[in-house]
Structures are given as structure tokens and as C-alpha cells.
PDB file of N, CA and C in Angstrom:
ATOM      1  N   MET A   1      98.292  94.578 106.509  1.00  0.00           N
ATOM      2  CA  MET A   1      97.806  95.009 107.995  1.00  0.00           C
ATOM      3  C   MET A   1      96.792  94.391 109.690  1.00  0.00           C
ATOM      4  N   ASN A   2      97.133  94.668 110.443  1.00  0.00           N
ATOM      5  CA  ASN A   2      96.238  93.876 111.603  1.00  0.00           C
ATOM      6  C   ASN A   2      94.376  94.525 111.610  1.00  0.00           C
ATOM      7  N   PRO A   3      94.098  93.177 112.131  1.00  0.00           N
ATOM      8  CA  PRO A   3      93.064  93.623 112.174  1.00  0.00           C
ATOM      9  C   PRO A   3      92.817  95.479 113.124  1.00  0.00           C
ATOM     10  N   GLU A   4      93.387  96.123 113.406  1.00  0.00           N
ATOM     11  CA  GLU A   4      92.572  97.495 114.018  1.00  0.00           C
ATOM     12  C   GLU A   4      92.795  98.067 112.940  1.00  0.00           C
ATOM     13  N   GLU A   5      93.876  98.159 112.164  1.00  0.00           N
ATOM     14  CA  GLU A   5      94.071  99.027 111.466  1.00  0.00           C
ATOM     15  C   GLU A   5      92.249  98.531 110.423  1.00  0.00           C
ATOM     16  N   ILE A   6      91.961  97.392 109.968  1.00  0.00           N
ATOM     17  CA  ILE A   6      91.107  96.840 109.093  1.00  0.00           C
ATOM     18  C   ILE A   6      90.228  97.657 109.719  1.00  0.00           C
ATOM     19  N   LYS A   7      89.725  97.482 110.597  1.00  0.00           N
ATOM     20  CA  LYS A   7      89.025  98.438 111.428  1.00  0.00           C
ATOM     21  C   LYS A   7      88.725  99.402 111.414  1.00  0.00           C
ATOM     22  N   ALA A   8      89.474 100.169 110.816  1.00  0.00           N
ATOM     23  CA  ALA A   8      89.475 101.557 111.393  1.00  0.00           C
ATOM     24  C   ALA A   8      89.903 101.882 109.434  1.00  0.00           C
ATOM     25  N   LEU A   9      90.309 101.590 108.636  1.00  0.00           N
ATOM     26  CA  LEU A   9      89.091 101.183 107.426  1.00  0.00           C
ATOM     27  C   LEU A   9      87.712 101.289 107.277  1.00  0.00           C
ATOM     28  N   GLU A  10      87.545 100.474 108.155  1.00  0.00           N
ATOM     29  CA  GLU A  10      86.345 100.522 107.924  1.00  0.00           C
ATOM     30  C   GLU A  10      85.217 100.614 108.528  1.00  0.00           C
ATOM     31  N   LYS A  11      85.966 101.689 109.705  1.00  0.00           N
ATOM     32  CA  LYS A  11      84.992 103.143 109.985  1.00  0.00           C
ATOM     33  C   LYS A  11      85.358 104.058 109.178  1.00  0.00           C
ATOM     34  N   GLU A  12      86.500 104.170 108.204  1.00  0.00           N
ATOM     35  CA  GLU A  12      86.303 105.439 107.919  1.00  0.00           C
ATOM     36  C   GLU A  12      85.745 104.592 106.152  1.00  0.00           C
ATOM     37  N   VAL A  13      84.989 103.917 106.147  1.00  0.00           N
ATOM     38  CA  VAL A  13      84.496 104.273 105.166  1.00  0.00           C
ATOM     39  C   VAL A  13      83.160 104.171 105.700  1.00  0.00           C
ATOM     40  N   LYS A  14      82.546 103.987 106.342  1.00  0.00           N
ATOM     41  CA  LYS A  14      80.938 104.296 106.973  1.00  0.00           C
ATOM     42  C   LYS A  14      81.041 105.290 106.727  1.00  0.00           C
ATOM     43  N   LYS A  15      82.276 106.216 107.676  1.00  0.00           N
ATOM     44  CA  LYS A  15      81.922 107.697 107.389  1.00  0.00           C
ATOM     45  C   LYS A  15      81.419 108.575 106.116  1.00  0.00           C
ATOM     46  N   THR A  16      82.186 107.568 105.019  1.00  0.00           N
ATOM     47  CA  THR A  16      82.623 108.783 104.227  1.00  0.00           C
ATOM     48  C   THR A  16      80.989 108.209 103.394  1.00  0.00           C
ATOM     49  N   LYS A  17      80.750 106.736 103.913  1.00  0.00           N
ATOM     50  CA  LYS A  17      79.140 106.682 103.083  1.00  0.00           C
ATOM     51  C   LYS A  17      78.259 107.530 103.768  1.00  0.00           C
ATOM     52  N   ARG A  18      77.989 107.555 105.277  1.00  0.00           N
ATOM     53  CA  ARG A  18      77.286 108.245 105.964  1.00  0.00           C
ATOM     54  C   ARG A  18      77.731 110.388 105.087  1.00  0.00           C
ATOM     55  N   LEU A  19      78.716 110.827 104.632  1.00  0.00           N
ATOM     56  CA  LEU A  19      79.144 111.681 104.949  1.00  0.00           C
ATOM     57  C   LEU A  19      78.547 111.622 103.110  1.00  0.00           C
ATOM     58  N   ALA A  20      78.903 110.771 101.748  1.00  0.00           N
ATOM     59  CA  ALA A  20      77.540 111.107 100.530  1.00  0.00           C
ATOM     60  C   ALA A  20      76.447 110.969 100.546  1.00  0.00           C
ATOM     61  N   ASN A  21      75.691 110.065 102.283  1.00  0.00           N
ATOM     62  CA  ASN A  21      74.788 109.929 102.214  1.00  0.00           C
ATOM     63  C   ASN A  21      73.769 111.232 101.731  1.00  0.00           C
ATOM     64  N   GLU A  22      74.626 111.953 103.274  1.00  0.00           N
ATOM     65  CA  GLU A  22      73.932 113.336 103.593  1.00  0.00           C
ATOM     66  C   GLU A  22      74.389 114.818 102.838  1.00  0.00           C
ATOM     67  N   GLN A  23      75.417 114.672 101.644  1.00  0.00           N
ATOM     68  CA  GLN A  23      75.312 115.682 100.518  1.00  0.00           C
ATOM     69  C   GLN A  23      74.381 114.574  99.750  1.00  0.00           C
ATOM     70  N   ALA A  24      74.132 113.588  99.225  1.00  0.00           N
ATOM     71  CA  ALA A  24      72.972 113.657  99.104  1.00  0.00           C
ATOM     72  C   ALA A  24      71.830 114.102  98.266  1.00  0.00           C
ATOM     73  N   SER A  25      71.664 114.150 100.190  1.00  0.00           N
ATOM     74  CA  SER A  25      70.493 114.609 100.710  1.00  0.00           C
ATOM     75  C   SER A  25      69.899 115.899  99.700  1.00  0.00           C
ATOM     76  N   VAL A  26      71.005 116.978  99.977  1.00  0.00           N
ATOM     77  CA  VAL A  26      71.047 118.236 100.410  1.00  0.00           C
ATOM     78  C   VAL A  26      70.957 118.130  98.619  1.00  0.00           C
ATOM     79  N   LEU A  27      71.698 117.905  97.840  1.00  0.00           N
ATOM     80  CA  LEU A  27      70.957 118.015  96.514  1.00  0.00           C
ATOM     81  C   LEU A  27      69.896 117.997  96.047  1.00  0.00           C
ATOM     82  N   HIS A  28      69.393 117.167  96.883  1.00  0.00           N
ATOM     83  CA  HIS A  28      67.436 115.907  96.666  1.00  0.00           C
ATOM     84  C   HIS A  28      66.632 117.217  97.155  1.00  0.00           C
ATOM     85  N   ASP A  29      67.128 117.669  97.928  1.00  0.00           N
ATOM     86  CA  ASP A  29      65.983 118.585  98.759  1.00  0.00           C
ATOM     87  C   ASP A  29      66.181 120.355  98.024  1.00  0.00           C
ATOM     88  N   LEU A  30      67.542 120.014  97.059  1.00  0.00           N
ATOM     89  CA  LEU A  30      67.335 121.783  96.518  1.00  0.00           C
ATOM     90  C   LEU A  30      66.894 120.436  95.042  1.00  0.00           C
ATOM     91  N   ILE A  31      66.756 119.387  94.925  1.00  0.00           N
ATOM     92  CA  ILE A  31      66.011 119.738  92.796  1.00  0.00           C
ATOM     93  C   ILE A  31      64.067 119.479  93.788  1.00  0.00           C
ATOM     94  N   GLU A  32      64.412 119.186  94.144  1.00  0.00           N
ATOM     95  CA  GLU A  32      62.773 119.229  94.921  1.00  0.00           C
ATOM     96  C   GLU A  32      62.400 120.155  94.867  1.00  0.00           C
ATOM     97  N   ASP A  33      63.207 120.962  96.327  1.00  0.00           N
ATOM     98  CA  ASP A  33      62.196 122.328  96.653  1.00  0.00           C
ATOM     99  C   ASP A  33      62.687 124.045  96.434  1.00  0.00           C
ATOM    100  N   LYS A  34      64.043 122.965  95.665  1.00  0.00           N
ATOM    101  CA  LYS A  34      64.966 125.143  95.361  1.00  0.00           C
ATOM    102  C   LYS A  34      64.268 125.712  93.882  1.00  0.00           C
ATOM    103  N   LEU A  35      64.355 123.903  93.433  1.00  0.00           N
ATOM    104  CA  LEU A  35      64.248 124.695  90.992  1.00  0.00           C
ATOM    105  C   LEU A  35      63.021 124.808  90.502  1.00  0.00           C
ATOM    106  N   PRO A  36      62.441 126.071  90.753  1.00  0.00           N
ATOM    107  CA  PRO A  36      63.862 126.034  89.319  1.00  0.00           C
ATOM    108  C   PRO A  36      64.346 128.057  90.108  1.00  0.00           C
ATOM    109  N   GLU A  37      64.778 128.300  90.998  1.00  0.00           N
ATOM    110  CA  GLU A  37      64.767 129.560  91.408  1.00  0.00           C
ATOM    111  C   GLU A  37      66.283 129.132  91.669  1.00  0.00           C
ATOM    112  N   GLY A  38      66.399 128.156  92.487  1.00  0.00           N
ATOM    113  CA  GLY A  38      67.631 127.755  93.006  1.00  0.00           C
ATOM    114  C   GLY A  38      68.559 127.225  92.075  1.00  0.00           C
ATOM    115  N   TYR A  39      68.785 127.036  90.655  1.00  0.00           N
ATOM    116  CA  TYR A  39      69.451 126.666  90.061  1.00  0.00           C
ATOM    117  C   TYR A  39      71.150 126.758  89.761  1.00  0.00           C
ATOM    118  N   GLN A  40      70.929 128.500  91.527  1.00  0.00           N
ATOM    119  CA  GLN A  40      72.679 128.841  90.772  1.00  0.00           C
ATOM    120  C   GLN A  40      73.736 127.941  92.011  1.00  0.00           C
ATOM    121  N   GLU A  41      72.481 127.515  92.637  1.00  0.00           N
ATOM    122  CA  GLU A  41      72.599 126.255  94.220  1.00  0.00           C
ATOM    123  C   GLU A  41      73.334 124.848  93.628  1.00  0.00           C
ATOM    124  N   ILE A  42      72.949 124.862  92.336  1.00  0.00           N
ATOM    125  CA  ILE A  42      73.445 123.538  91.180  1.00  0.00           C
ATOM    126  C   ILE A  42      74.852 122.693  91.750  1.00  0.00           C
ATOM    127  N   MET A  43      75.197 123.809  91.105  1.00  0.00           N
ATOM    128  CA  MET A  43      76.722 122.983  90.999  1.00  0.00           C
ATOM    129  C   MET A  43      77.902 123.043  92.751  1.00  0.00           C
ATOM    130  N   PRO A  44      77.297 124.152  92.782  1.00  0.00           N
ATOM    131  CA  PRO A  44      78.417 123.755  94.182  1.00  0.00           C
ATOM    132  C   PRO A  44      77.945 122.351  95.151  1.00  0.00           C
ATOM    133  N   VAL A  45      76.276 122.799  94.870  1.00  0.00           N
ATOM    134  CA  VAL A  45      75.956 120.762  95.416  1.00  0.00           C
ATOM    135  C   VAL A  45      76.086 120.293  94.763  1.00  0.00           C
ATOM    136  N   ALA A  46      75.762 120.206  93.561  1.00  0.00           N
ATOM    137  CA  ALA A  46      76.475 118.324  93.420  1.00  0.00           C
ATOM    138  C   ALA A  46      77.699 117.895  92.731  1.00  0.00           C
ATOM    139  N   GLN A  47      78.513 119.550  92.773  1.00  0.00           N
ATOM    140  CA  GLN A  47      80.196 119.664  93.141  1.00  0.00           C
ATOM    141  C   GLN A  47      80.418 118.592  94.544  1.00  0.00           C
ATOM    142  N   ALA A  48      80.682 119.164  95.556  1.00  0.00           N
ATOM    143  CA  ALA A  48      79.686 118.830  96.963  1.00  0.00           C
ATOM    144  C   ALA A  48      80.126 117.774  97.308  1.00  0.00           C
ATOM    145  N   THR A  49      78.518 116.998  96.349  1.00  0.00           N
ATOM    146  CA  THR A  49      78.522 115.276  96.656  1.00  0.00           C
ATOM    147  C   THR A  49      79.600 114.583  95.836  1.00  0.00           C
ATOM    148  N   TYR A  50      79.354 115.233  94.610  1.00  0.00           N
ATOM    149  CA  TYR A  50      80.802 114.751  93.666  1.00  0.00           C
ATOM    150  C   TYR A  50      81.511 114.260  94.638  1.00  0.00           C
ATOM    151  N   ASP A  51      82.458 115.103  95.936  1.00  0.00           N
ATOM    152  CA  ASP A  51      83.644 115.439  96.276  1.00  0.00           C
ATOM    153  C   ASP A  51      83.632 113.687  97.726  1.00  0.00           C
ATOM    154  N   ALA A  52      82.147 114.397  97.811  1.00  0.00           N
ATOM    155  CA  ALA A  52      81.512 112.958  98.850  1.00  0.00           C
ATOM    156  C   ALA A  52      81.552 111.649  98.278  1.00  0.00           C
ATOM    157  N   CYS A  53      81.109 111.530  97.182  1.00  0.00           N
ATOM    158  CA  CYS A  53      81.238 110.594  96.647  1.00  0.00           C
ATOM    159  C   CYS A  53      82.602 109.547  96.913  1.00  0.00           C
ATOM    160  N   LEU A  54      83.663 110.538  96.223  1.00  0.00           N
ATOM    161  CA  LEU A  54      84.727 110.081  95.709  1.00  0.00           C
ATOM    162  C   LEU A  54      85.604 110.440  96.705  1.00  0.00           C
ATOM    163  N   ALA A  55      85.383 110.746  98.499  1.00  0.00           N
ATOM    164  CA  ALA A  55      85.850 109.805  99.424  1.00  0.00           C
ATOM    165  C   ALA A  55      85.629 108.168  99.300  1.00  0.00           C
ATOM    166  N   TRP A  56      83.871 108.192  99.018  1.00  0.00           N
ATOM    167  CA  TRP A  56      83.724 107.022 100.318  1.00  0.00           C
ATOM    168  C   TRP A  56      84.139 106.101  99.208  1.00  0.00           C
ATOM    169  N   ALA A  57      84.368 105.732  97.589  1.00  0.00           N
ATOM    170  CA  ALA A  57      85.061 105.114  96.740  1.00  0.00           C
ATOM    171  C   ALA A  57      87.129 105.014  96.636  1.00  0.00           C
ATOM    172  N   ASP A  58      86.502 106.607  97.328  1.00  0.00           N
ATOM    173  CA  ASP A  58      88.410 106.411  98.179  1.00  0.00           C
ATOM    174  C   ASP A  58      88.639 105.235  98.965  1.00  0.00           C
ATOM    175  N   ALA A  59      88.191 105.247 100.253  1.00  0.00           N
ATOM    176  CA  ALA A  59      88.286 104.196 101.704  1.00  0.00           C
ATOM    177  C   ALA A  59      87.640 102.896 100.893  1.00  0.00           C
ATOM    178  N   ASN A  60      86.084 103.336  99.779  1.00  0.00           N
ATOM    179  CA  ASN A  60      85.967 101.593  99.365  1.00  0.00           C
ATOM    180  C   ASN A  60      87.356 101.503  99.337  1.00  0.00           C
ATOM    181  N   LYS A  61      87.873 101.452  98.377  1.00  0.00           N
ATOM    182  CA  LYS A  61      88.972 100.540  97.235  1.00  0.00           C
ATOM    183  C   LYS A  61      89.893 100.551  98.530  1.00  0.00           C
ATOM    184  N   LYS A  62      90.681 101.187  99.509  1.00  0.00           N
ATOM    185  CA  LYS A  62      91.828 101.494 100.313  1.00  0.00           C
ATOM    186  C   LYS A  62      91.048  99.958 101.111  1.00  0.00           C
ATOM    187  N   LEU A  63      89.686  99.431 101.786  1.00  0.00           N
ATOM    188  CA  LEU A  63      89.231  98.455 102.382  1.00  0.00           C
ATOM    189  C   LEU A  63      88.995  97.312 101.548  1.00  0.00           C
ATOM    190  N   LEU A  64      88.975  97.913 100.473  1.00  0.00           N
ATOM    191  CA  LEU A  64      88.934  96.967  99.479  1.00  0.00           C
ATOM    192  C   LEU A  64      90.547  95.086  99.472  1.00  0.00           C
ATOM    193  N   ALA A  65      91.136  96.894  99.034  1.00  0.00           N
ATOM    194  CA  ALA A  65      92.211  96.232  98.819  1.00  0.00           C
ATOM    195  C   ALA A  65      93.131  95.440  99.942  1.00  0.00           C
ATOM    196  N   ALA A  66      93.306  95.676 101.147  1.00  0.00           N
ATOM    197  CA  ALA A  66      93.452  95.891 102.526  1.00  0.00           C
ATOM    198  C   ALA A  66      92.719  94.363 102.828  1.00  0.00           C
ATOM    199  N   VAL A  67      91.679  94.182 102.486  1.00  0.00           N
ATOM    200  CA  VAL A  67      90.447  92.570 103.341  1.00  0.00           C
ATOM    201  C   VAL A  67      91.376  91.415 102.298  1.00  0.00           C
ATOM    202  N   ALA A  68      92.218  92.131 100.975  1.00  0.00           N
ATOM    203  CA  ALA A  68      92.196  91.332  99.892  1.00  0.00           C
ATOM    204  C   ALA A  68      94.085  90.693 100.672  1.00  0.00           C
ATOM    205  N   ALA A  69      94.355  91.660 100.386  1.00  0.00           N
ATOM    206  CA  ALA A  69      95.951  90.921 101.071  1.00  0.00           C
ATOM    207  C   ALA A  69      95.818  89.948 102.421  1.00  0.00           C
ATOM    208  N   GLN A  70      95.399  90.336 102.740  1.00  0.00           N
ATOM    209  CA  GLN A  70      94.722  89.361 104.088  1.00  0.00           C
ATOM    210  C   GLN A  70      94.451  88.021 104.024  1.00  0.00           C
ATOM    211  N   ALA A  71      93.975  87.628 103.003  1.00  0.00           N
ATOM    212  CA  ALA A  71      93.586  86.728 102.011  1.00  0.00           C
ATOM    213  C   ALA A  71      94.248  85.596 101.618  1.00  0.00           C
TER     214      ALA A  71
END
């Protein structure tokens, strides 16, 4: 991979990490402010948080593999 492609992967990792953190904040707010009344929101919010973290993990894995291949 060329340096521009590595930079694009780094940008994707930062973006997906930010999105995962934002979704984790939504889950935290649900726990802190809406439970037990908002219990029906747990599954969709938890799934969205999981999906966001999985997207970050996938992007990070690609970046680490690309960096390792450069070495």
C-alpha cells in the first residue's frame, strides 16, 4: 500500500472510533437517564453500539495489516 492509502485507512479508523464513542455515549445516556422505563430501547441501542464497535475493529484490523505489510 502506498502512503496515501495508509493515510486513508488511518482516517477511517479515526472516523469509526469517533462513531463508536458517540454510540457508546447514547448507550450510557440510556442507562443513566432512561432505565428502567426505557428498557425497550436497550436492544436496538446495544446492537447499534456493537455494530459501531465492530466497524472500528474491522477498520483497525485493516490498518494494522497494512502497516505490518509495510514493515
